[in-house]
Amino acid sequence: MQIDPMTFEEFLLANGDENLAKYLESIETIEPVPDAFFNPLYEKLKMYYVTGGMPEPVLMWTEARDVSAMQEALSGIIGAYGRDFAKHPNISEFPKISMV
């Protein structure tokens, strides 16, 4: 099963920011973004980056604005990646991979 991070638009919708998502969809030319949209989009983009767009951390953020729960979810995902990487390489390569 392939599970991908959320797109920024999906993140906005999960946060209840339908108007910002609609604004992004309406952009057809490259031009300065009005302050009324720029500042909220900038703040949401920072949180999108912090959550990694991963569904579980996004859920922790959107439901309770709980940074510690969000960090815990991200740590769990990183741990799962580490355990998965350990299954595939030559055992002598694992220390190098775990440093990433």
PDB file of N, CA and C in Angstrom:
ATOM      1  N   MET A   1       0.839  -1.169   0.000  1.00  0.00           N
ATOM      2  CA  MET A   1       0.000   0.000   0.000  1.00  0.00           C
ATOM      3  C   MET A   1       0.892   1.243   0.000  1.00  0.00           C
ATOM      4  N   GLN A   2       0.572   2.190  -0.862  1.00  0.00           N
ATOM      5  CA  GLN A   2       1.318   3.444  -0.963  1.00  0.00           C
ATOM      6  C   GLN A   2       0.559   4.531  -0.201  1.00  0.00           C
ATOM      7  N   ILE A   3       1.205   5.127   0.789  1.00  0.00           N
ATOM      8  CA  ILE A   3       0.612   6.238   1.533  1.00  0.00           C
ATOM      9  C   ILE A   3       1.547   7.426   1.375  1.00  0.00           C
ATOM     10  N   ASP A   4       0.999   8.494   0.844  1.00  0.00           N
ATOM     11  CA  ASP A   4       1.796   9.691   0.595  1.00  0.00           C
ATOM     12  C   ASP A   4       1.427  10.787   1.574  1.00  0.00           C
ATOM     13  N   PRO A   5       2.335  11.745   1.765  1.00  0.00           N
ATOM     14  CA  PRO A   5       1.983  12.914   2.577  1.00  0.00           C
ATOM     15  C   PRO A   5       0.850  13.690   1.912  1.00  0.00           C
ATOM     16  N   MET A   6       0.165  14.477   2.709  1.00  0.00           N
ATOM     17  CA  MET A   6      -0.899  15.321   2.186  1.00  0.00           C
ATOM     18  C   MET A   6      -0.284  16.422   1.329  1.00  0.00           C
ATOM     19  N   THR A   7      -1.041  16.865   0.337  1.00  0.00           N
ATOM     20  CA  THR A   7      -0.626  18.052  -0.404  1.00  0.00           C
ATOM     21  C   THR A   7      -0.916  19.266   0.470  1.00  0.00           C
ATOM     22  N   PHE A   8      -0.360  20.412   0.090  1.00  0.00           N
ATOM     23  CA  PHE A   8      -0.630  21.630   0.849  1.00  0.00           C
ATOM     24  C   PHE A   8      -2.119  21.965   0.794  1.00  0.00           C
ATOM     25  N   GLU A   9      -2.742  21.737  -0.345  1.00  0.00           N
ATOM     26  CA  GLU A   9      -4.187  21.988  -0.457  1.00  0.00           C
ATOM     27  C   GLU A   9      -4.968  21.085   0.498  1.00  0.00           C
ATOM     28  N   GLU A  10      -4.613  19.807   0.557  1.00  0.00           N
ATOM     29  CA  GLU A  10      -5.283  18.893   1.492  1.00  0.00           C
ATOM     30  C   GLU A  10      -5.070  19.343   2.933  1.00  0.00           C
ATOM     31  N   PHE A  11      -3.865  19.829   3.240  1.00  0.00           N
ATOM     32  CA  PHE A  11      -3.575  20.347   4.570  1.00  0.00           C
ATOM     33  C   PHE A  11      -4.482  21.526   4.894  1.00  0.00           C
ATOM     34  N   LEU A  12      -4.625  22.455   3.949  1.00  0.00           N
ATOM     35  CA  LEU A  12      -5.507  23.606   4.167  1.00  0.00           C
ATOM     36  C   LEU A  12      -6.938  23.154   4.422  1.00  0.00           C
ATOM     37  N   LEU A  13      -7.413  22.210   3.634  1.00  0.00           N
ATOM     38  CA  LEU A  13      -8.782  21.719   3.812  1.00  0.00           C
ATOM     39  C   LEU A  13      -8.947  21.024   5.159  1.00  0.00           C
ATOM     40  N   ALA A  14      -7.943  20.267   5.579  1.00  0.00           N
ATOM     41  CA  ALA A  14      -8.005  19.591   6.882  1.00  0.00           C
ATOM     42  C   ALA A  14      -8.049  20.598   8.021  1.00  0.00           C
ATOM     43  N   ASN A  15      -7.459  21.772   7.808  1.00  0.00           N
ATOM     44  CA  ASN A  15      -7.457  22.831   8.818  1.00  0.00           C
ATOM     45  C   ASN A  15      -8.684  23.726   8.737  1.00  0.00           C
ATOM     46  N   GLY A  16      -9.589  23.422   7.823  1.00  0.00           N
ATOM     47  CA  GLY A  16     -10.790  24.241   7.679  1.00  0.00           C
ATOM     48  C   GLY A  16     -10.556  25.535   6.933  1.00  0.00           C
ATOM     49  N   ASP A  17      -9.493  25.598   6.152  1.00  0.00           N
ATOM     50  CA  ASP A  17      -9.157  26.812   5.407  1.00  0.00           C
ATOM     51  C   ASP A  17      -9.553  26.686   3.935  1.00  0.00           C
ATOM     52  N   GLU A  18     -10.837  26.435   3.706  1.00  0.00           N
ATOM     53  CA  GLU A  18     -11.329  26.268   2.343  1.00  0.00           C
ATOM     54  C   GLU A  18     -11.089  27.516   1.496  1.00  0.00           C
ATOM     55  N   ASN A  19     -11.243  28.702   2.094  1.00  0.00           N
ATOM     56  CA  ASN A  19     -11.050  29.943   1.333  1.00  0.00           C
ATOM     57  C   ASN A  19      -9.616  30.078   0.825  1.00  0.00           C
ATOM     58  N   LEU A  20      -8.648  29.700   1.652  1.00  0.00           N
ATOM     59  CA  LEU A  20      -7.251  29.762   1.202  1.00  0.00           C
ATOM     60  C   LEU A  20      -6.999  28.755   0.081  1.00  0.00           C
ATOM     61  N   ALA A  21      -7.579  27.565   0.209  1.00  0.00           N
ATOM     62  CA  ALA A  21      -7.418  26.545  -0.833  1.00  0.00           C
ATOM     63  C   ALA A  21      -8.052  27.024  -2.138  1.00  0.00           C
ATOM     64  N   LYS A  22      -9.235  27.632  -2.042  1.00  0.00           N
ATOM     65  CA  LYS A  22      -9.893  28.156  -3.250  1.00  0.00           C
ATOM     66  C   LYS A  22      -9.066  29.266  -3.881  1.00  0.00           C
ATOM     67  N   TYR A  23      -8.487  30.118  -3.045  1.00  0.00           N
ATOM     68  CA  TYR A  23      -7.642  31.188  -3.580  1.00  0.00           C
ATOM     69  C   TYR A  23      -6.472  30.590  -4.360  1.00  0.00           C
ATOM     70  N   LEU A  24      -5.800  29.599  -3.791  1.00  0.00           N
ATOM     71  CA  LEU A  24      -4.662  28.985  -4.485  1.00  0.00           C
ATOM     72  C   LEU A  24      -5.088  28.374  -5.815  1.00  0.00           C
ATOM     73  N   GLU A  25      -6.260  27.741  -5.821  1.00  0.00           N
ATOM     74  CA  GLU A  25      -6.761  27.141  -7.062  1.00  0.00           C
ATOM     75  C   GLU A  25      -7.049  28.196  -8.121  1.00  0.00           C
ATOM     76  N   SER A  26      -7.419  29.395  -7.684  1.00  0.00           N
ATOM     77  CA  SER A  26      -7.817  30.444  -8.626  1.00  0.00           C
ATOM     78  C   SER A  26      -6.635  31.166  -9.267  1.00  0.00           C
ATOM     79  N   ILE A  27      -5.436  30.959  -8.762  1.00  0.00           N
ATOM     80  CA  ILE A  27      -4.266  31.665  -9.295  1.00  0.00           C
ATOM     81  C   ILE A  27      -3.946  31.136 -10.693  1.00  0.00           C
ATOM     82  N   GLU A  28      -3.906  32.065 -11.644  1.00  0.00           N
ATOM     83  CA  GLU A  28      -3.606  31.687 -13.026  1.00  0.00           C
ATOM     84  C   GLU A  28      -2.332  32.336 -13.554  1.00  0.00           C
ATOM     85  N   THR A  29      -1.880  33.414 -12.910  1.00  0.00           N
ATOM     86  CA  THR A  29      -0.674  34.102 -13.358  1.00  0.00           C
ATOM     87  C   THR A  29       0.237  34.351 -12.161  1.00  0.00           C
ATOM     88  N   ILE A  30       1.500  34.539 -12.450  1.00  0.00           N
ATOM     89  CA  ILE A  30       2.456  34.838 -11.386  1.00  0.00           C
ATOM     90  C   ILE A  30       2.385  36.330 -11.095  1.00  0.00           C
ATOM     91  N   GLU A  31       1.973  36.639  -9.901  1.00  0.00           N
ATOM     92  CA  GLU A  31       1.878  38.030  -9.456  1.00  0.00           C
ATOM     93  C   GLU A  31       1.937  38.039  -7.939  1.00  0.00           C
ATOM     94  N   PRO A  32       2.206  39.184  -7.340  1.00  0.00           N
ATOM     95  CA  PRO A  32       2.279  39.238  -5.875  1.00  0.00           C
ATOM     96  C   PRO A  32       0.968  38.780  -5.221  1.00  0.00           C
ATOM     97  N   VAL A  33       1.119  38.071  -4.127  1.00  0.00           N
ATOM     98  CA  VAL A  33      -0.047  37.596  -3.375  1.00  0.00           C
ATOM     99  C   VAL A  33      -0.480  38.714  -2.432  1.00  0.00           C
ATOM    100  N   PRO A  34      -1.762  39.067  -2.446  1.00  0.00           N
ATOM    101  CA  PRO A  34      -2.234  40.113  -1.527  1.00  0.00           C
ATOM    102  C   PRO A  34      -1.968  39.725  -0.069  1.00  0.00           C
ATOM    103  N   ASP A  35      -1.666  40.727   0.760  1.00  0.00           N
ATOM    104  CA  ASP A  35      -1.376  40.477   2.178  1.00  0.00           C
ATOM    105  C   ASP A  35      -2.484  39.706   2.874  1.00  0.00           C
ATOM    106  N   ALA A  36      -3.721  39.940   2.465  1.00  0.00           N
ATOM    107  CA  ALA A  36      -4.849  39.241   3.093  1.00  0.00           C
ATOM    108  C   ALA A  36      -4.722  37.731   2.937  1.00  0.00           C
ATOM    109  N   PHE A  37      -4.056  37.279   1.887  1.00  0.00           N
ATOM    110  CA  PHE A  37      -3.838  35.850   1.679  1.00  0.00           C
ATOM    111  C   PHE A  37      -2.416  35.436   2.029  1.00  0.00           C
ATOM    112  N   PHE A  38      -1.447  36.321   1.771  1.00  0.00           N
ATOM    113  CA  PHE A  38      -0.045  35.956   1.970  1.00  0.00           C
ATOM    114  C   PHE A  38       0.244  35.548   3.409  1.00  0.00           C
ATOM    115  N   ASN A  39      -0.112  36.384   4.353  1.00  0.00           N
ATOM    116  CA  ASN A  39       0.225  36.098   5.754  1.00  0.00           C
ATOM    117  C   ASN A  39      -0.400  34.802   6.260  1.00  0.00           C
ATOM    118  N   PRO A  40      -1.713  34.569   6.046  1.00  0.00           N
ATOM    119  CA  PRO A  40      -2.264  33.280   6.490  1.00  0.00           C
ATOM    120  C   PRO A  40      -1.643  32.088   5.756  1.00  0.00           C
ATOM    121  N   LEU A  41      -1.401  32.239   4.458  1.00  0.00           N
ATOM    122  CA  LEU A  41      -0.780  31.143   3.711  1.00  0.00           C
ATOM    123  C   LEU A  41       0.626  30.852   4.216  1.00  0.00           C
ATOM    124  N   TYR A  42       1.364  31.895   4.530  1.00  0.00           N
ATOM    125  CA  TYR A  42       2.728  31.730   5.040  1.00  0.00           C
ATOM    126  C   TYR A  42       2.719  30.970   6.366  1.00  0.00           C
ATOM    127  N   GLU A  43       1.821  31.341   7.264  1.00  0.00           N
ATOM    128  CA  GLU A  43       1.730  30.659   8.562  1.00  0.00           C
ATOM    129  C   GLU A  43       1.312  29.202   8.384  1.00  0.00           C
ATOM    130  N   LYS A  44       0.352  28.948   7.506  1.00  0.00           N
ATOM    131  CA  LYS A  44      -0.095  27.566   7.260  1.00  0.00           C
ATOM    132  C   LYS A  44       1.008  26.750   6.604  1.00  0.00           C
ATOM    133  N   LEU A  45       1.773  27.375   5.713  1.00  0.00           N
ATOM    134  CA  LEU A  45       2.861  26.656   5.053  1.00  0.00           C
ATOM    135  C   LEU A  45       3.924  26.233   6.061  1.00  0.00           C
ATOM    136  N   LYS A  46       4.221  27.095   7.019  1.00  0.00           N
ATOM    137  CA  LYS A  46       5.188  26.724   8.062  1.00  0.00           C
ATOM    138  C   LYS A  46       4.694  25.502   8.837  1.00  0.00           C
ATOM    139  N   MET A  47       3.407  25.474   9.193  1.00  0.00           N
ATOM    140  CA  MET A  47       2.884  24.317   9.934  1.00  0.00           C
ATOM    141  C   MET A  47       2.841  23.073   9.052  1.00  0.00           C
ATOM    142  N   TYR A  48       2.588  23.262   7.771  1.00  0.00           N
ATOM    143  CA  TYR A  48       2.621  22.137   6.836  1.00  0.00           C
ATOM    144  C   TYR A  48       4.020  21.525   6.829  1.00  0.00           C
ATOM    145  N   TYR A  49       5.041  22.372   6.791  1.00  0.00           N
ATOM    146  CA  TYR A  49       6.414  21.874   6.819  1.00  0.00           C
ATOM    147  C   TYR A  49       6.731  21.186   8.143  1.00  0.00           C
ATOM    148  N   VAL A  50       6.262  21.743   9.242  1.00  0.00           N
ATOM    149  CA  VAL A  50       6.536  21.154  10.561  1.00  0.00           C
ATOM    150  C   VAL A  50       5.903  19.775  10.675  1.00  0.00           C
ATOM    151  N   THR A  51       4.687  19.620  10.177  1.00  0.00           N
ATOM    152  CA  THR A  51       4.005  18.326  10.253  1.00  0.00           C
ATOM    153  C   THR A  51       4.498  17.358   9.192  1.00  0.00           C
ATOM    154  N   GLY A  52       5.231  17.866   8.215  1.00  0.00           N
ATOM    155  CA  GLY A  52       5.686  17.015   7.126  1.00  0.00           C
ATOM    156  C   GLY A  52       4.564  16.627   6.182  1.00  0.00           C
ATOM    157  N   GLY A  53       3.372  17.177   6.417  1.00  0.00           N
ATOM    158  CA  GLY A  53       2.225  16.801   5.602  1.00  0.00           C
ATOM    159  C   GLY A  53       1.748  15.385   5.886  1.00  0.00           C
ATOM    160  N   MET A  54       2.314  14.759   6.912  1.00  0.00           N
ATOM    161  CA  MET A  54       1.937  13.381   7.238  1.00  0.00           C
ATOM    162  C   MET A  54       0.578  13.381   7.938  1.00  0.00           C
ATOM    163  N   PRO A  55      -0.332  12.499   7.509  1.00  0.00           N
ATOM    164  CA  PRO A  55      -1.704  12.546   8.017  1.00  0.00           C
ATOM    165  C   PRO A  55      -1.849  12.505   9.537  1.00  0.00           C
ATOM    166  N   GLU A  56      -1.133  11.628  10.222  1.00  0.00           N
ATOM    167  CA  GLU A  56      -1.313  11.541  11.678  1.00  0.00           C
ATOM    168  C   GLU A  56      -0.856  12.811  12.402  1.00  0.00           C
ATOM    169  N   PRO A  57       0.342  13.333  12.119  1.00  0.00           N
ATOM    170  CA  PRO A  57       0.713  14.598  12.762  1.00  0.00           C
ATOM    171  C   PRO A  57      -0.220  15.751  12.393  1.00  0.00           C
ATOM    172  N   VAL A  58      -0.689  15.784  11.154  1.00  0.00           N
ATOM    173  CA  VAL A  58      -1.647  16.823  10.755  1.00  0.00           C
ATOM    174  C   VAL A  58      -2.910  16.697  11.590  1.00  0.00           C
ATOM    175  N   LEU A  59      -3.370  15.481  11.803  1.00  0.00           N
ATOM    176  CA  LEU A  59      -4.561  15.263  12.629  1.00  0.00           C
ATOM    177  C   LEU A  59      -4.337  15.763  14.051  1.00  0.00           C
ATOM    178  N   MET A  60      -3.171  15.467  14.615  1.00  0.00           N
ATOM    179  CA  MET A  60      -2.869  15.943  15.974  1.00  0.00           C
ATOM    180  C   MET A  60      -2.888  17.474  16.023  1.00  0.00           C
ATOM    181  N   TRP A  61      -2.410  18.102  14.967  1.00  0.00           N
ATOM    182  CA  TRP A  61      -2.371  19.564  14.927  1.00  0.00           C
ATOM    183  C   TRP A  61      -3.770  20.150  14.718  1.00  0.00           C
ATOM    184  N   THR A  62      -4.514  19.588  13.774  1.00  0.00           N
ATOM    185  CA  THR A  62      -5.812  20.179  13.453  1.00  0.00           C
ATOM    186  C   THR A  62      -6.844  19.960  14.544  1.00  0.00           C
ATOM    187  N   GLU A  63      -6.778  18.829  15.227  1.00  0.00           N
ATOM    188  CA  GLU A  63      -7.790  18.544  16.252  1.00  0.00           C
ATOM    189  C   GLU A  63      -7.533  19.277  17.557  1.00  0.00           C
ATOM    190  N   ALA A  64      -6.284  19.346  17.987  1.00  0.00           N
ATOM    191  CA  ALA A  64      -6.027  19.870  19.334  1.00  0.00           C
ATOM    192  C   ALA A  64      -4.915  20.911  19.393  1.00  0.00           C
ATOM    193  N   ARG A  65      -4.275  21.186  18.250  1.00  0.00           N
ATOM    194  CA  ARG A  65      -3.120  22.097  18.257  1.00  0.00           C
ATOM    195  C   ARG A  65      -2.092  21.641  19.292  1.00  0.00           C
ATOM    196  N   ASP A  66      -1.954  20.314  19.381  1.00  0.00           N
ATOM    197  CA  ASP A  66      -1.084  19.695  20.382  1.00  0.00           C
ATOM    198  C   ASP A  66       0.277  19.402  19.760  1.00  0.00           C
ATOM    199  N   VAL A  67       1.234  20.280  20.004  1.00  0.00           N
ATOM    200  CA  VAL A  67       2.561  20.154  19.406  1.00  0.00           C
ATOM    201  C   VAL A  67       3.270  18.900  19.902  1.00  0.00           C
ATOM    202  N   SER A  68       3.130  18.560  21.182  1.00  0.00           N
ATOM    203  CA  SER A  68       3.828  17.375  21.698  1.00  0.00           C
ATOM    204  C   SER A  68       3.264  16.095  21.079  1.00  0.00           C
ATOM    205  N   ALA A  69       1.948  16.017  20.895  1.00  0.00           N
ATOM    206  CA  ALA A  69       1.356  14.838  20.249  1.00  0.00           C
ATOM    207  C   ALA A  69       1.784  14.764  18.787  1.00  0.00           C
ATOM    208  N   MET A  70       1.876  15.927  18.149  1.00  0.00           N
ATOM    209  CA  MET A  70       2.326  15.977  16.765  1.00  0.00           C
ATOM    210  C   MET A  70       3.775  15.486  16.670  1.00  0.00           C
ATOM    211  N   GLN A  71       4.638  15.943  17.572  1.00  0.00           N
ATOM    212  CA  GLN A  71       6.038  15.513  17.581  1.00  0.00           C
ATOM    213  C   GLN A  71       6.150  14.014  17.861  1.00  0.00           C
ATOM    214  N   GLU A  72       5.309  13.520  18.745  1.00  0.00           N
ATOM    215  CA  GLU A  72       5.316  12.089  19.055  1.00  0.00           C
ATOM    216  C   GLU A  72       4.931  11.273  17.822  1.00  0.00           C
ATOM    217  N   ALA A  73       3.921  11.744  17.100  1.00  0.00           N
ATOM    218  CA  ALA A  73       3.508  11.050  15.876  1.00  0.00           C
ATOM    219  C   ALA A  73       4.633  11.071  14.845  1.00  0.00           C
ATOM    220  N   LEU A  74       5.295  12.210  14.693  1.00  0.00           N
ATOM    221  CA  LEU A  74       6.422  12.298  13.758  1.00  0.00           C
ATOM    222  C   LEU A  74       7.561  11.371  14.173  1.00  0.00           C
ATOM    223  N   SER A  75       7.840  11.302  15.467  1.00  0.00           N
ATOM    224  CA  SER A  75       8.890  10.398  15.959  1.00  0.00           C
ATOM    225  C   SER A  75       8.542   8.951  15.662  1.00  0.00           C
ATOM    226  N   GLY A  76       7.267   8.611  15.793  1.00  0.00           N
ATOM    227  CA  GLY A  76       6.824   7.258  15.468  1.00  0.00           C
ATOM    228  C   GLY A  76       7.038   6.926  14.002  1.00  0.00           C
ATOM    229  N   ILE A  77       6.755   7.887  13.141  1.00  0.00           N
ATOM    230  CA  ILE A  77       6.953   7.685  11.701  1.00  0.00           C
ATOM    231  C   ILE A  77       8.436   7.518  11.392  1.00  0.00           C
ATOM    232  N   ILE A  78       9.263   8.361  11.975  1.00  0.00           N
ATOM    233  CA  ILE A  78      10.710   8.265  11.753  1.00  0.00           C
ATOM    234  C   ILE A  78      11.234   6.926  12.264  1.00  0.00           C
ATOM    235  N   GLY A  79      10.738   6.486  13.423  1.00  0.00           N
ATOM    236  CA  GLY A  79      11.131   5.182  13.954  1.00  0.00           C
ATOM    237  C   GLY A  79      10.727   4.048  13.033  1.00  0.00           C
ATOM    238  N   ALA A  80       9.535   4.152  12.449  1.00  0.00           N
ATOM    239  CA  ALA A  80       9.065   3.116  11.524  1.00  0.00           C
ATOM    240  C   ALA A  80       9.952   3.056  10.283  1.00  0.00           C
ATOM    241  N   TYR A  81      10.352   4.231   9.786  1.00  0.00           N
ATOM    242  CA  TYR A  81      11.283   4.248   8.653  1.00  0.00           C
ATOM    243  C   TYR A  81      12.597   3.569   9.036  1.00  0.00           C
ATOM    244  N   GLY A  82      13.109   3.879  10.208  1.00  0.00           N
ATOM    245  CA  GLY A  82      14.362   3.274  10.652  1.00  0.00           C
ATOM    246  C   GLY A  82      14.266   1.762  10.751  1.00  0.00           C
ATOM    247  N   ARG A  83      13.146   1.276  11.303  1.00  0.00           N
ATOM    248  CA  ARG A  83      12.960  -0.181  11.405  1.00  0.00           C
ATOM    249  C   ARG A  83      12.837  -0.814  10.022  1.00  0.00           C
ATOM    250  N   ASP A  84      12.183  -0.104   9.102  1.00  0.00           N
ATOM    251  CA  ASP A  84      12.033  -0.635   7.754  1.00  0.00           C
ATOM    252  C   ASP A  84      13.380  -0.674   7.031  1.00  0.00           C
ATOM    253  N   PHE A  85      14.162   0.393   7.172  1.00  0.00           N
ATOM    254  CA  PHE A  85      15.483   0.408   6.544  1.00  0.00           C
ATOM    255  C   PHE A  85      16.348  -0.735   7.060  1.00  0.00           C
ATOM    256  N   ALA A  86      16.203  -1.072   8.319  1.00  0.00           N
ATOM    257  CA  ALA A  86      17.030  -2.122   8.918  1.00  0.00           C
ATOM    258  C   ALA A  86      16.748  -3.482   8.296  1.00  0.00           C
ATOM    259  N   LYS A  87      15.596  -3.654   7.683  1.00  0.00           N
ATOM    260  CA  LYS A  87      15.230  -4.946   7.094  1.00  0.00           C
ATOM    261  C   LYS A  87      15.914  -5.203   5.752  1.00  0.00           C
ATOM    262  N   HIS A  88      16.374  -4.152   5.086  1.00  0.00           N
ATOM    263  CA  HIS A  88      16.782  -4.302   3.698  1.00  0.00           C
ATOM    264  C   HIS A  88      18.282  -4.297   3.420  1.00  0.00           C
ATOM    265  N   PRO A  89      19.080  -3.480   4.061  1.00  0.00           N
ATOM    266  CA  PRO A  89      20.492  -3.423   3.646  1.00  0.00           C
ATOM    267  C   PRO A  89      21.310  -4.561   4.237  1.00  0.00           C
ATOM    268  N   ASN A  90      22.514  -4.633   3.751  1.00  0.00           N
ATOM    269  CA  ASN A  90      23.498  -5.502   4.356  1.00  0.00           C
ATOM    270  C   ASN A  90      23.682  -5.011   5.792  1.00  0.00           C
ATOM    271  N   ILE A  91      23.757  -5.901   6.741  1.00  0.00           N
ATOM    272  CA  ILE A  91      23.834  -5.528   8.159  1.00  0.00           C
ATOM    273  C   ILE A  91      25.010  -4.595   8.435  1.00  0.00           C
ATOM    274  N   SER A  92      26.075  -4.709   7.662  1.00  0.00           N
ATOM    275  CA  SER A  92      27.231  -3.831   7.876  1.00  0.00           C
ATOM    276  C   SER A  92      26.929  -2.388   7.462  1.00  0.00           C
ATOM    277  N   GLU A  93      25.907  -2.178   6.645  1.00  0.00           N
ATOM    278  CA  GLU A  93      25.531  -0.835   6.197  1.00  0.00           C
ATOM    279  C   GLU A  93      24.563  -0.151   7.161  1.00  0.00           C
ATOM    280  N   PHE A  94      23.956  -0.891   8.080  1.00  0.00           N
ATOM    281  CA  PHE A  94      22.938  -0.315   8.960  1.00  0.00           C
ATOM    282  C   PHE A  94      23.434   0.871   9.781  1.00  0.00           C
ATOM    283  N   PRO A  95      24.633   0.829  10.376  1.00  0.00           N
ATOM    284  CA  PRO A  95      25.084   2.010  11.134  1.00  0.00           C
ATOM    285  C   PRO A  95      25.128   3.283  10.291  1.00  0.00           C
ATOM    286  N   LYS A  96      25.525   3.152   9.034  1.00  0.00           N
ATOM    287  CA  LYS A  96      25.558   4.323   8.156  1.00  0.00           C
ATOM    288  C   LYS A  96      24.141   4.831   7.883  1.00  0.00           C
ATOM    289  N   ILE A  97      23.237   3.916   7.602  1.00  0.00           N
ATOM    290  CA  ILE A  97      21.855   4.295   7.297  1.00  0.00           C
ATOM    291  C   ILE A  97      21.190   4.918   8.511  1.00  0.00           C
ATOM    292  N   SER A  98      21.454   4.389   9.690  1.00  0.00           N
ATOM    293  CA  SER A  98      20.804   4.918  10.893  1.00  0.00           C
ATOM    294  C   SER A  98      21.283   6.325  11.229  1.00  0.00           C
ATOM    295  N   MET A  99      22.423   6.736  10.682  1.00  0.00           N
ATOM    296  CA  MET A  99      22.908   8.098  10.911  1.00  0.00           C
ATOM    297  C   MET A  99      22.121   9.114  10.097  1.00  0.00           C
ATOM    298  N   VAL A 100      21.430   8.675   9.067  1.00  0.00           N
ATOM    299  CA  VAL A 100      20.639   9.577   8.217  1.00  0.00           C
ATOM    300  C   VAL A 100      19.444   9.938   8.953  1.00  0.00           C
TER     301      VAL A 100
END
